[in-house]
Amino acid sequence: MAESSWRSDLARTITDVSGLPDCLDLTDDERRFFTAPETHGRLSLKVPPAVARRMADTDTPLRRQFIPTAAEFETLPYELADPLGEEHHSPLPRLIHRHPDRALLLVTDQCAVHCRYCFRSRFTDGSHGAISTEELSAVESYLAAHSGVRELILSGGDALMLGDGALADILDAARRARPGIVFRVATRMPVVMPLRVTTELTRLLRAHAPLWVVLQVNHPNELDAEASHALGALADAGLPVINQTVLLAGVNDDAEVLEELFTALVRLRVKPYYLFQGDLAPGTAHFRVNLERALGIVAELRRRLSGLAMPVFAVDIPGGAGKVPLEPSALVGEDENGYQLRADNGEMYHYPRE
């Protein structure tokens, strides 16, 4: 399949309310997002054709993920534009180096779809573009000087929004600097734009092994025949594929739904890797699940799922202290405002009660 096929699909992406399917009668909350003055400066609508085809009028799990509502206008005092504290760990533009052994590179600000709970909407606003030759050269020099970096995560935006040539340039530059480096390519494209998974792409990724594909799938309804075929093509090419799911109120905050999702992923040869508690990004409170309830859902999943199908439940500590696996033992205290969590560094952090 030629690159022009997915580019054509991309050109048909819905970016205006008038382009939404006729069967999607907007609710009052959805309509208010598009008509209110507060919409200016917010993450815009972006729904690719493959997602629109799956989004029946009653399909709340997909609709809630991708159609904006007026709830996004409410920003709580503890919500942060940079909830993971990435800017404090950015030695170069686009490079985030929080952990000694791995770094994250923002290769583009473009996504095929705009997820309404996005924690990096400050970057995916279309004003940064793809990584430049000068920026990539600086990253190559940085990696060459930091031999402790064993893994490089390509993210953004979505790494597979880049064409094959641009993606190859980035992989080649990093491999020149660090010959043994392991790549992770973070993407939603195989599910939201399955045509992106071409024979040429799988060959390119396989040629740069060791390389892992890191997906995000949040609900079983995302895994239709097109998406399943794309995931099968990645697996058939010998590419290890893992998935990160975000726990989202009104989308997948139910043990039965998550059980169906994780077992479906395993059948498709995708390892459920992380289940994340929602980040404290602005305007996303309506997506976050109460932490005690979330732990109850996870406990039920452990009773239902094998170790292969069970992801790690974790939260990114607000402000940049990193991921903490969320077990009952991680909760070391609570008060009327929220919970006290102990991070890997031994420090105590506050997480709000939703």
Protein backbone atom coordinates (compact mmCIF):
# COMPACT_ATOMS: atom_id res chain seq x y z
CA MET A 1 0.00 0.00 0.00
CA ALA A 2 1.47 3.32 -1.05
CA GLU A 3 2.03 6.26 1.28
CA SER A 4 -0.40 8.26 -0.85
CA SER A 5 -3.28 6.10 0.47
CA TRP A 6 -3.00 7.20 4.08
CA ARG A 7 -2.16 10.75 3.03
CA SER A 8 -5.46 10.83 1.15
CA ASP A 9 -7.24 9.53 4.23
CA LEU A 10 -5.53 12.23 6.29
CA ALA A 11 -6.74 14.90 3.89
CA ARG A 12 -10.33 13.82 4.63
CA THR A 13 -9.93 14.32 8.38
CA ILE A 14 -12.87 16.17 9.93
CA THR A 15 -11.74 19.45 11.46
CA ASP A 16 -15.02 21.37 11.45
CA VAL A 17 -18.29 20.61 13.18
CA SER A 18 -20.08 20.68 9.83
CA GLY A 19 -18.07 17.68 8.69
CA LEU A 20 -19.29 15.35 11.42
CA PRO A 21 -21.54 12.46 10.33
CA ASP A 22 -25.22 13.30 10.01
CA CYS A 23 -26.08 10.58 12.54
CA LEU A 24 -24.18 12.48 15.22
CA ASP A 25 -26.76 14.91 16.56
CA LEU A 26 -24.81 17.20 18.86
CA THR A 27 -25.82 17.37 22.50
CA ASP A 28 -26.23 20.75 24.18
CA ASP A 29 -22.82 20.42 25.86
CA GLU A 30 -21.15 19.55 22.57
CA ARG A 31 -22.85 22.37 20.70
CA ARG A 32 -21.85 24.85 23.41
CA PHE A 33 -18.16 24.01 22.87
CA PHE A 34 -18.36 25.07 19.23
CA THR A 35 -20.31 28.27 19.86
CA ALA A 36 -18.80 29.63 23.08
CA PRO A 37 -16.06 32.31 23.02
CA GLU A 38 -13.98 30.12 25.37
CA THR A 39 -13.38 27.74 22.45
CA HIS A 40 -10.65 30.04 21.16
CA GLY A 41 -7.26 28.61 22.10
CA ARG A 42 -8.63 25.17 22.98
CA LEU A 43 -7.59 21.92 21.33
CA SER A 44 -9.45 21.85 18.03
CA LEU A 45 -11.69 19.13 16.64
CA LYS A 46 -9.84 16.47 14.66
CA VAL A 47 -11.51 13.17 13.74
CA PRO A 48 -10.13 10.93 10.94
CA PRO A 49 -12.44 8.98 8.62
CA ALA A 50 -11.77 5.58 10.25
CA VAL A 51 -12.91 6.94 13.63
CA ALA A 52 -15.92 8.76 12.18
CA ARG A 53 -17.08 5.51 10.55
CA ARG A 54 -17.09 3.77 13.95
CA MET A 55 -18.80 6.59 15.76
CA ALA A 56 -22.50 5.77 15.74
CA ASP A 57 -24.84 8.19 17.43
CA THR A 58 -25.07 6.01 20.51
CA ASP A 59 -21.38 5.10 20.70
CA THR A 60 -20.60 7.11 23.80
CA PRO A 61 -17.11 5.61 24.41
CA LEU A 62 -15.75 6.91 21.09
CA ARG A 63 -17.83 10.07 21.02
CA ARG A 64 -16.67 11.04 24.52
CA GLN A 65 -13.01 10.56 23.60
CA PHE A 66 -13.06 12.62 20.42
CA ILE A 67 -16.01 15.07 20.35
CA PRO A 68 -15.40 18.13 22.57
CA THR A 69 -17.87 19.37 25.17
CA ALA A 70 -18.25 22.53 27.25
CA ALA A 71 -16.82 20.61 30.23
CA GLU A 72 -13.38 21.39 28.77
CA PHE A 73 -13.85 25.04 29.73
CA GLU A 74 -13.60 24.21 33.44
CA THR A 75 -10.01 24.29 34.68
CA LEU A 76 -9.48 23.28 38.30
CA PRO A 77 -6.86 25.03 40.49
CA TYR A 78 -4.56 21.99 40.59
CA GLU A 79 -4.67 21.25 36.85
CA LEU A 80 -1.46 22.09 35.01
CA ALA A 81 -0.64 23.02 31.42
CA ASP A 82 2.43 20.76 31.76
CA PRO A 83 1.08 18.12 34.17
CA LEU A 84 4.10 15.80 33.84
CA GLY A 85 6.65 18.58 34.36
CA GLU A 86 8.29 17.85 31.02
CA GLU A 87 9.63 21.36 30.52
CA HIS A 88 11.75 21.03 33.66
CA HIS A 89 13.47 17.97 32.15
CA SER A 90 14.08 19.33 28.66
CA PRO A 91 17.78 19.95 27.98
CA LEU A 92 17.06 20.66 24.30
CA PRO A 93 13.98 21.74 22.36
CA ARG A 94 11.78 18.65 21.88
CA LEU A 95 13.98 16.36 24.01
CA ILE A 96 12.77 15.29 27.47
CA HIS A 97 15.31 13.48 29.62
CA ARG A 98 13.81 12.71 33.02
CA HIS A 99 15.26 9.23 33.61
CA PRO A 100 18.96 8.40 33.20
CA ASP A 101 18.39 5.42 30.89
CA ARG A 102 15.73 6.77 28.53
CA ALA A 103 14.67 9.96 26.79
CA LEU A 104 11.61 11.13 24.88
CA LEU A 105 11.73 13.05 21.62
CA LEU A 106 8.79 15.14 20.38
CA VAL A 107 9.22 14.52 16.66
CA THR A 108 6.06 16.33 15.53
CA ASP A 109 3.17 18.31 16.97
CA GLN A 110 0.66 16.59 14.69
CA CYS A 111 -1.82 13.84 15.60
CA ALA A 112 -4.31 12.06 13.36
CA VAL A 113 -6.98 12.55 16.02
CA HIS A 114 -7.35 14.99 18.91
CA CYS A 115 -8.12 13.13 22.12
CA ARG A 116 -10.10 15.41 24.41
CA TYR A 117 -8.13 14.30 27.52
CA CYS A 118 -4.72 15.08 25.96
CA PHE A 119 -2.03 15.90 28.55
CA ARG A 120 0.25 17.55 25.97
CA SER A 121 -2.22 19.87 24.25
CA ARG A 122 0.17 22.75 24.94
CA PHE A 123 2.40 21.18 22.24
CA THR A 124 -0.10 19.59 19.85
CA ASP A 125 -1.55 22.93 18.80
CA GLY A 126 -0.03 23.01 15.33
CA SER A 127 2.50 25.79 15.97
CA HIS A 128 5.66 23.67 16.32
CA GLY A 129 5.68 21.44 13.23
CA ALA A 130 8.02 18.52 12.66
CA ILE A 131 11.50 18.38 14.13
CA SER A 132 13.96 20.41 12.06
CA THR A 133 17.33 19.30 10.71
CA GLU A 134 19.08 21.59 13.19
CA GLU A 135 17.06 20.26 16.13
CA LEU A 136 17.73 16.67 15.11
CA SER A 137 21.45 17.34 14.79
CA ALA A 138 21.51 18.74 18.33
CA VAL A 139 19.68 15.68 19.61
CA GLU A 140 22.16 13.39 17.85
CA SER A 141 25.06 15.19 19.56
CA TYR A 142 23.29 15.00 22.92
CA LEU A 143 22.72 11.25 22.61
CA ALA A 144 26.34 10.70 21.61
CA ALA A 145 27.44 12.52 24.77
CA HIS A 146 25.03 10.66 27.09
CA SER A 147 25.91 6.99 26.85
CA GLY A 148 23.51 6.13 29.67
CA VAL A 149 20.51 6.66 27.38
CA ARG A 150 19.53 3.13 26.35
CA GLU A 151 16.01 3.86 25.03
CA LEU A 152 14.58 6.67 22.91
CA ILE A 153 10.81 7.19 22.73
CA LEU A 154 9.56 8.93 19.59
CA SER A 155 6.37 10.78 20.40
CA GLY A 156 4.74 14.14 19.89
CA GLY A 157 2.07 14.44 18.54
CA ASP A 158 2.12 11.05 16.88
CA ALA A 159 5.43 9.73 15.55
CA LEU A 160 3.76 7.99 12.59
CA MET A 161 2.31 11.26 11.33
CA LEU A 162 5.76 11.71 9.81
CA GLY A 163 6.41 10.26 6.37
CA ASP A 164 8.67 7.25 6.04
CA GLY A 165 11.65 9.34 4.90
CA ALA A 166 11.48 11.77 7.82
CA LEU A 167 10.98 8.92 10.27
CA ALA A 168 13.99 7.06 8.85
CA ASP A 169 16.15 10.19 9.21
CA ILE A 170 15.33 10.40 12.92
CA LEU A 171 15.92 6.71 13.56
CA ASP A 172 19.20 6.77 11.63
CA ALA A 173 20.47 9.85 13.47
CA ALA A 174 19.77 8.34 16.88
CA ARG A 175 21.31 5.02 15.90
CA ARG A 176 24.47 6.77 14.66
CA ALA A 177 24.80 8.47 18.03
CA ARG A 178 23.94 5.40 20.08
CA PRO A 179 24.37 2.19 18.01
CA GLY A 180 22.69 -0.03 20.60
CA ILE A 181 19.75 2.22 21.38
CA VAL A 182 16.25 0.73 21.66
CA PHE A 183 13.43 2.65 20.04
CA ARG A 184 9.83 3.02 21.16
CA VAL A 185 7.51 4.53 18.56
CA ALA A 186 4.45 5.99 20.30
CA THR A 187 1.42 6.10 18.02
CA ARG A 188 -2.34 5.84 17.72
CA MET A 189 -2.18 5.60 13.92
CA PRO A 190 -2.63 1.81 13.48
CA VAL A 191 -6.04 2.17 15.17
CA VAL A 192 -7.26 5.65 14.18
CA MET A 193 -5.76 5.59 10.66
CA PRO A 194 -5.03 1.94 9.80
CA LEU A 195 -3.97 2.75 6.23
CA ARG A 196 -0.77 4.21 7.72
CA VAL A 197 0.50 0.67 8.35
CA THR A 198 1.95 -0.03 4.93
CA THR A 199 4.38 -2.74 3.84
CA GLU A 200 7.00 -0.01 3.44
CA LEU A 201 6.44 1.21 7.00
CA THR A 202 6.70 -2.23 8.57
CA ARG A 203 9.94 -2.87 6.65
CA LEU A 204 11.33 0.47 7.83
CA LEU A 205 10.49 -0.20 11.46
CA ARG A 206 11.79 -3.76 11.30
CA ALA A 207 15.07 -2.54 9.76
CA HIS A 208 15.61 -0.35 12.83
CA ALA A 209 15.13 -3.09 15.41
CA PRO A 210 15.32 -3.27 18.34
CA LEU A 211 12.14 -1.20 18.10
CA TRP A 212 8.85 -1.42 19.97
CA VAL A 213 5.53 0.03 18.82
CA VAL A 214 3.58 1.64 21.68
CA LEU A 215 -0.15 2.01 21.02
CA GLN A 216 -2.98 3.70 22.82
CA VAL A 217 -6.33 1.91 22.66
CA ASN A 218 -8.95 2.73 25.29
CA HIS A 219 -12.08 0.83 24.28
CA PRO A 220 -12.93 -2.41 22.43
CA ASN A 221 -14.96 -0.47 19.86
CA GLU A 222 -11.71 0.97 18.51
CA LEU A 223 -10.60 -2.50 17.39
CA ASP A 224 -12.64 -2.96 14.23
CA ALA A 225 -11.56 -5.10 11.25
CA GLU A 226 -9.38 -2.34 9.76
CA ALA A 227 -7.51 -1.71 12.99
CA SER A 228 -7.14 -5.43 13.69
CA HIS A 229 -5.64 -5.94 10.22
CA ALA A 230 -3.11 -3.14 10.81
CA LEU A 231 -2.08 -4.56 14.18
CA GLY A 232 -1.74 -7.99 12.61
CA ALA A 233 0.58 -6.55 9.95
CA LEU A 234 2.85 -5.11 12.64
CA ALA A 235 2.96 -8.41 14.49
CA ASP A 236 3.52 -10.40 11.27
CA ALA A 237 6.53 -8.16 10.56
CA GLY A 238 8.06 -9.28 13.85
CA LEU A 239 7.50 -5.95 15.62
CA PRO A 240 6.71 -6.16 19.34
CA VAL A 241 3.59 -4.12 20.10
CA ILE A 242 2.45 -2.93 23.53
CA ASN A 243 -0.53 -0.83 24.56
CA GLN A 244 -1.15 1.98 27.00
CA THR A 245 -4.74 2.61 28.05
CA VAL A 246 -6.00 5.69 29.89
CA LEU A 247 -8.73 5.07 32.48
CA LEU A 248 -11.51 7.45 31.42
CA ALA A 249 -14.82 8.14 33.13
CA GLY A 250 -17.74 7.32 30.85
CA VAL A 251 -15.46 5.49 28.42
CA ASN A 252 -13.86 2.48 30.05
CA ASP A 253 -14.26 2.83 33.82
CA ASP A 254 -15.78 -0.63 34.07
CA ALA A 255 -14.01 -3.94 34.74
CA GLU A 256 -16.06 -5.80 32.11
CA VAL A 257 -15.20 -3.28 29.37
CA LEU A 258 -11.50 -3.34 30.24
CA GLU A 259 -11.49 -7.12 30.41
CA GLU A 260 -12.92 -7.23 26.89
CA LEU A 261 -10.33 -4.70 25.68
CA PHE A 262 -7.29 -6.38 27.19
CA THR A 263 -8.24 -9.89 26.10
CA ALA A 264 -8.92 -8.60 22.57
CA LEU A 265 -5.49 -6.97 22.48
CA VAL A 266 -3.81 -10.21 23.57
CA ARG A 267 -5.60 -12.08 20.77
CA LEU A 268 -4.19 -9.49 18.36
CA ARG A 269 -0.68 -10.12 19.78
CA VAL A 270 -0.56 -6.79 21.60
CA LYS A 271 0.62 -6.78 25.22
CA PRO A 272 -1.44 -4.56 27.59
CA TYR A 273 1.40 -2.56 29.18
CA TYR A 274 0.00 0.31 31.26
CA LEU A 275 -3.40 1.41 32.50
CA PHE A 276 -3.01 5.06 33.45
CA GLN A 277 -4.96 7.14 35.89
CA GLY A 278 -5.86 10.39 34.10
CA ASP A 279 -3.33 13.22 34.21
CA LEU A 280 -4.16 16.61 35.74
CA ALA A 281 -4.36 18.41 32.40
CA PRO A 282 -6.53 21.54 32.10
CA GLY A 283 -10.20 20.91 31.40
CA THR A 284 -10.05 17.13 31.87
CA ALA A 285 -11.64 16.66 35.30
CA HIS A 286 -14.73 15.10 33.71
CA PHE A 287 -12.55 12.23 32.46
CA ARG A 288 -10.80 11.36 35.71
CA VAL A 289 -11.98 8.47 37.85
CA ASN A 290 -11.98 8.64 41.65
CA LEU A 291 -8.80 6.91 42.80
CA GLU A 292 -10.51 4.56 45.27
CA ARG A 293 -12.98 3.48 42.61
CA ALA A 294 -10.14 3.02 40.12
CA LEU A 295 -8.30 0.73 42.53
CA GLY A 296 -11.50 -1.28 42.93
CA ILE A 297 -11.76 -1.72 39.15
CA VAL A 298 -8.14 -2.86 39.00
CA ALA A 299 -8.66 -5.35 41.82
CA GLU A 300 -11.58 -6.85 39.89
CA LEU A 301 -9.46 -7.05 36.73
CA ARG A 302 -6.80 -9.01 38.59
CA ARG A 303 -9.42 -11.58 39.48
CA ARG A 304 -10.52 -11.85 35.85
CA LEU A 305 -7.30 -11.62 33.81
CA SER A 306 -4.10 -13.58 33.30
CA GLY A 307 -0.75 -11.94 33.95
CA LEU A 308 -0.29 -11.61 30.19
CA ALA A 309 -3.50 -9.61 29.80
CA MET A 310 -3.13 -7.50 32.97
CA PRO A 311 -1.41 -4.11 32.57
CA VAL A 312 0.31 -2.14 35.31
CA PHE A 313 -2.00 0.46 36.84
CA ALA A 314 -0.02 3.67 37.33
CA VAL A 315 -0.21 7.43 37.68
CA ASP A 316 2.24 10.08 36.54
CA ILE A 317 2.85 12.13 39.67
CA PRO A 318 1.80 15.74 38.95
CA GLY A 319 4.76 18.04 38.40
CA GLY A 320 7.26 15.53 37.05
CA ALA A 321 8.20 12.96 39.71
CA GLY A 322 7.54 10.13 37.25
CA LYS A 323 5.25 7.10 37.13
CA VAL A 324 4.13 5.33 40.29
CA PRO A 325 2.45 1.91 40.10
CA LEU A 326 -0.83 2.33 41.93
CA GLU A 327 -1.35 -0.39 44.50
CA PRO A 328 -3.27 -0.02 47.76
CA SER A 329 0.16 0.13 49.44
CA ALA A 330 1.03 3.25 47.41
CA LEU A 331 -1.68 5.14 49.27
CA VAL A 332 -0.04 6.25 52.48
CA GLY A 333 -2.64 8.74 53.64
CA GLU A 334 -5.64 10.86 52.72
CA ASP A 335 -7.58 13.88 53.83
CA GLU A 336 -10.70 15.70 52.70
CA ASN A 337 -8.86 17.12 49.67
CA GLY A 338 -7.21 13.97 48.34
CA TYR A 339 -4.57 11.29 48.77
CA GLN A 340 -0.92 11.07 49.75
CA LEU A 341 1.16 8.92 47.37
CA ARG A 342 4.76 7.78 47.80
CA ALA A 343 6.86 8.07 44.62
CA ASP A 344 9.88 5.97 43.68
CA ASN A 345 12.15 8.68 45.08
CA GLY A 346 10.60 8.22 48.52
CA GLU A 347 8.97 11.65 48.47
CA MET A 348 5.30 12.19 49.28
CA TYR A 349 2.96 13.77 46.73
CA HIS A 350 -0.65 14.91 46.79
CA TYR A 351 -3.26 13.64 44.33
CA PRO A 352 -6.69 15.30 44.36
CA ARG A 353 -9.94 13.57 45.22
CA GLU A 354 -12.19 13.80 42.13
